[in-house]
N, C-alpha and C. Protein backbone atom coordinates (compact mmCIF):
# COMPACT_ATOMS: atom_id res chain seq x y z
N MET A 1 0.84 -1.19 0.00
CA MET A 1 0.00 0.00 0.00
C MET A 1 0.88 1.25 0.00
N THR A 2 0.34 2.29 -0.55
CA THR A 2 1.02 3.59 -0.50
C THR A 2 0.81 4.20 0.89
N GLY A 3 1.55 5.24 1.17
CA GLY A 3 1.36 5.94 2.44
C GLY A 3 -0.04 6.49 2.58
N GLU A 4 -0.58 7.03 1.52
CA GLU A 4 -1.94 7.56 1.56
C GLU A 4 -2.96 6.46 1.80
N GLN A 5 -2.74 5.30 1.19
CA GLN A 5 -3.66 4.18 1.40
C GLN A 5 -3.62 3.69 2.84
N VAL A 6 -2.43 3.59 3.41
CA VAL A 6 -2.30 3.17 4.81
C VAL A 6 -3.00 4.18 5.71
N TYR A 7 -2.75 5.47 5.46
CA TYR A 7 -3.40 6.51 6.25
C TYR A 7 -4.92 6.38 6.17
N ASN A 8 -5.44 6.27 4.97
CA ASN A 8 -6.90 6.22 4.77
C ASN A 8 -7.54 4.98 5.38
N LYS A 9 -6.79 3.92 5.49
CA LYS A 9 -7.35 2.67 6.04
C LYS A 9 -7.15 2.54 7.54
N PHE A 10 -6.01 3.02 8.06
CA PHE A 10 -5.67 2.75 9.46
C PHE A 10 -5.46 3.98 10.34
N CYS A 11 -5.08 5.09 9.77
CA CYS A 11 -4.64 6.23 10.58
C CYS A 11 -5.67 7.34 10.71
N PHE A 12 -6.53 7.45 9.71
CA PHE A 12 -7.42 8.60 9.62
C PHE A 12 -8.35 8.76 10.82
N ALA A 13 -8.78 7.67 11.42
CA ALA A 13 -9.78 7.75 12.50
C ALA A 13 -9.32 8.67 13.62
N CYS A 14 -8.08 8.62 13.97
CA CYS A 14 -7.57 9.48 15.03
C CYS A 14 -6.94 10.76 14.49
N HIS A 15 -6.18 10.66 13.41
CA HIS A 15 -5.44 11.82 12.92
C HIS A 15 -6.31 12.83 12.18
N ALA A 16 -7.46 12.43 11.69
CA ALA A 16 -8.34 13.38 11.02
C ALA A 16 -8.97 14.35 12.02
N THR A 17 -9.19 13.88 13.23
CA THR A 17 -9.89 14.70 14.24
C THR A 17 -9.00 15.15 15.39
N GLY A 18 -7.87 14.49 15.58
CA GLY A 18 -7.00 14.82 16.71
C GLY A 18 -7.45 14.17 18.01
N ILE A 19 -8.30 13.17 17.90
CA ILE A 19 -8.79 12.47 19.09
C ILE A 19 -7.60 11.95 19.91
N THR A 20 -7.73 11.97 21.20
CA THR A 20 -6.69 11.54 22.15
C THR A 20 -5.34 12.19 21.87
N ASP A 21 -5.38 13.45 21.48
CA ASP A 21 -4.17 14.25 21.23
C ASP A 21 -3.33 13.78 20.05
N ALA A 22 -3.91 13.03 19.13
CA ALA A 22 -3.18 12.65 17.92
C ALA A 22 -2.95 13.92 17.10
N PRO A 23 -1.75 14.07 16.53
CA PRO A 23 -1.53 15.24 15.69
C PRO A 23 -2.45 15.17 14.47
N ARG A 24 -3.13 16.27 14.20
CA ARG A 24 -4.13 16.29 13.13
C ARG A 24 -3.49 16.32 11.75
N PHE A 25 -4.16 15.63 10.84
CA PHE A 25 -3.73 15.54 9.45
C PHE A 25 -3.52 16.93 8.86
N ALA A 26 -2.37 17.12 8.23
CA ALA A 26 -2.02 18.35 7.52
C ALA A 26 -1.96 19.58 8.43
N ASN A 27 -1.80 19.39 9.73
CA ASN A 27 -1.74 20.51 10.66
C ASN A 27 -0.28 20.73 11.08
N ALA A 28 0.32 21.73 10.48
CA ALA A 28 1.75 21.99 10.71
C ALA A 28 2.06 22.24 12.19
N GLU A 29 1.18 22.94 12.88
CA GLU A 29 1.41 23.23 14.30
C GLU A 29 1.45 21.96 15.13
N ASP A 30 0.53 21.05 14.87
CA ASP A 30 0.50 19.78 15.61
C ASP A 30 1.74 18.93 15.33
N TRP A 31 2.16 18.93 14.08
CA TRP A 31 3.24 18.04 13.67
C TRP A 31 4.64 18.59 13.92
N ALA A 32 4.81 19.90 13.98
CA ALA A 32 6.14 20.50 14.08
C ALA A 32 7.01 19.92 15.19
N PRO A 33 6.51 19.81 16.43
CA PRO A 33 7.39 19.27 17.48
C PRO A 33 7.73 17.80 17.26
N ARG A 34 6.87 17.08 16.61
CA ARG A 34 7.13 15.66 16.33
C ARG A 34 8.14 15.53 15.20
N ILE A 35 7.97 16.32 14.16
CA ILE A 35 8.89 16.30 13.03
C ILE A 35 10.28 16.70 13.50
N ALA A 36 10.35 17.63 14.44
CA ALA A 36 11.65 18.09 14.96
C ALA A 36 12.43 16.97 15.63
N LYS A 37 11.75 15.95 16.10
CA LYS A 37 12.43 14.82 16.75
C LYS A 37 13.08 13.88 15.75
N GLY A 38 12.70 14.00 14.49
CA GLY A 38 13.32 13.19 13.45
C GLY A 38 12.48 12.00 13.03
N ILE A 39 12.73 11.56 11.82
CA ILE A 39 11.96 10.48 11.23
C ILE A 39 12.16 9.16 11.99
N ASP A 40 13.36 8.93 12.52
CA ASP A 40 13.60 7.69 13.26
C ASP A 40 12.71 7.61 14.50
N THR A 41 12.55 8.73 15.19
CA THR A 41 11.68 8.76 16.36
C THR A 41 10.22 8.57 15.96
N LEU A 42 9.82 9.21 14.87
CA LEU A 42 8.45 9.01 14.38
C LEU A 42 8.19 7.55 14.03
N MET A 43 9.16 6.92 13.41
CA MET A 43 9.00 5.50 13.06
C MET A 43 8.96 4.62 14.30
N GLU A 44 9.80 4.92 15.28
CA GLU A 44 9.80 4.15 16.52
C GLU A 44 8.44 4.25 17.20
N THR A 45 7.88 5.44 17.25
CA THR A 45 6.56 5.65 17.83
C THR A 45 5.50 4.89 17.04
N THR A 46 5.60 4.93 15.73
CA THR A 46 4.63 4.24 14.88
C THR A 46 4.67 2.73 15.13
N VAL A 47 5.83 2.17 15.19
CA VAL A 47 5.97 0.72 15.37
C VAL A 47 5.61 0.30 16.79
N SER A 48 6.08 1.04 17.79
CA SER A 48 5.88 0.64 19.19
C SER A 48 4.60 1.15 19.81
N GLY A 49 4.08 2.26 19.27
CA GLY A 49 2.91 2.89 19.86
C GLY A 49 3.35 3.90 20.91
N LEU A 50 2.43 4.77 21.28
CA LEU A 50 2.73 5.78 22.29
C LEU A 50 1.42 6.31 22.84
N ASN A 51 1.31 6.32 24.14
CA ASN A 51 0.08 6.77 24.80
C ASN A 51 -1.12 6.00 24.24
N PHE A 52 -2.05 6.70 23.59
CA PHE A 52 -3.24 6.03 23.06
C PHE A 52 -3.04 5.45 21.67
N MET A 53 -1.92 5.75 21.03
CA MET A 53 -1.67 5.19 19.70
C MET A 53 -1.21 3.75 19.84
N PRO A 54 -1.94 2.82 19.24
CA PRO A 54 -1.53 1.43 19.33
C PRO A 54 -0.31 1.14 18.47
N ALA A 55 0.39 0.10 18.81
CA ALA A 55 1.53 -0.33 18.02
C ALA A 55 1.11 -0.51 16.57
N MET A 56 1.96 -0.07 15.68
CA MET A 56 1.77 -0.16 14.23
C MET A 56 0.48 0.52 13.77
N GLY A 57 -0.04 1.42 14.60
CA GLY A 57 -1.24 2.15 14.23
C GLY A 57 -2.39 1.25 13.85
N THR A 58 -2.44 0.09 14.41
CA THR A 58 -3.42 -0.99 14.17
C THR A 58 -3.20 -1.74 12.87
N CYS A 59 -2.20 -1.41 12.10
CA CYS A 59 -1.93 -2.11 10.84
C CYS A 59 -0.89 -3.20 11.08
N MET A 60 -1.31 -4.25 11.73
CA MET A 60 -0.39 -5.32 12.10
C MET A 60 0.20 -6.04 10.90
N ALA A 61 -0.45 -5.98 9.75
CA ALA A 61 0.05 -6.64 8.54
C ALA A 61 0.91 -5.71 7.68
N CYS A 62 1.04 -4.47 8.08
CA CYS A 62 1.84 -3.52 7.29
C CYS A 62 3.32 -3.84 7.43
N SER A 63 4.02 -3.69 6.32
CA SER A 63 5.48 -3.84 6.35
C SER A 63 6.09 -2.55 6.89
N ASP A 64 7.36 -2.61 7.22
CA ASP A 64 8.07 -1.40 7.65
C ASP A 64 8.03 -0.34 6.55
N GLU A 65 8.12 -0.77 5.30
CA GLU A 65 8.08 0.16 4.18
C GLU A 65 6.73 0.86 4.09
N GLU A 66 5.65 0.12 4.31
CA GLU A 66 4.31 0.72 4.27
C GLU A 66 4.11 1.70 5.42
N LEU A 67 4.58 1.33 6.61
CA LEU A 67 4.48 2.24 7.74
C LEU A 67 5.31 3.50 7.51
N ARG A 68 6.49 3.32 6.94
CA ARG A 68 7.35 4.48 6.63
C ARG A 68 6.67 5.37 5.60
N ALA A 69 6.02 4.76 4.61
CA ALA A 69 5.31 5.55 3.60
C ALA A 69 4.18 6.35 4.23
N ALA A 70 3.50 5.77 5.21
CA ALA A 70 2.42 6.48 5.90
C ALA A 70 2.98 7.64 6.71
N VAL A 71 4.07 7.41 7.41
CA VAL A 71 4.71 8.48 8.19
C VAL A 71 5.17 9.59 7.24
N ASP A 72 5.80 9.23 6.15
CA ASP A 72 6.25 10.23 5.18
C ASP A 72 5.06 11.03 4.65
N TYR A 73 3.97 10.36 4.37
CA TYR A 73 2.77 11.02 3.86
C TYR A 73 2.24 12.04 4.88
N LEU A 74 2.15 11.63 6.13
CA LEU A 74 1.69 12.54 7.17
C LEU A 74 2.61 13.74 7.34
N VAL A 75 3.91 13.50 7.31
CA VAL A 75 4.88 14.57 7.46
C VAL A 75 4.79 15.54 6.27
N GLU A 76 4.73 14.99 5.07
CA GLU A 76 4.65 15.83 3.87
C GLU A 76 3.42 16.72 3.88
N THR A 77 2.29 16.19 4.33
CA THR A 77 1.07 17.00 4.32
C THR A 77 1.07 18.08 5.39
N ALA A 78 1.94 17.92 6.38
CA ALA A 78 1.99 18.88 7.48
C ALA A 78 2.98 20.01 7.23
N GLN A 79 3.71 19.94 6.17
CA GLN A 79 4.73 20.97 5.92
C GLN A 79 4.29 21.96 4.89
């Protein structure tokens, strides 16, 4: 799957609305402090989960490449 496809299938429920403090889709202010930590940290959070975000963002069948594509997609839309 592409990053956009992963987002639309697994990530949008929380990131579209910012529920449970998830950084909102395409919101530069929400994403800036996370982006500042670097892509490796974003990937670690995506794989391991953090606070209310479940491990792998609920996409247990996603490859590392698909998860990375989703992270890249979210970052790109926030800049």
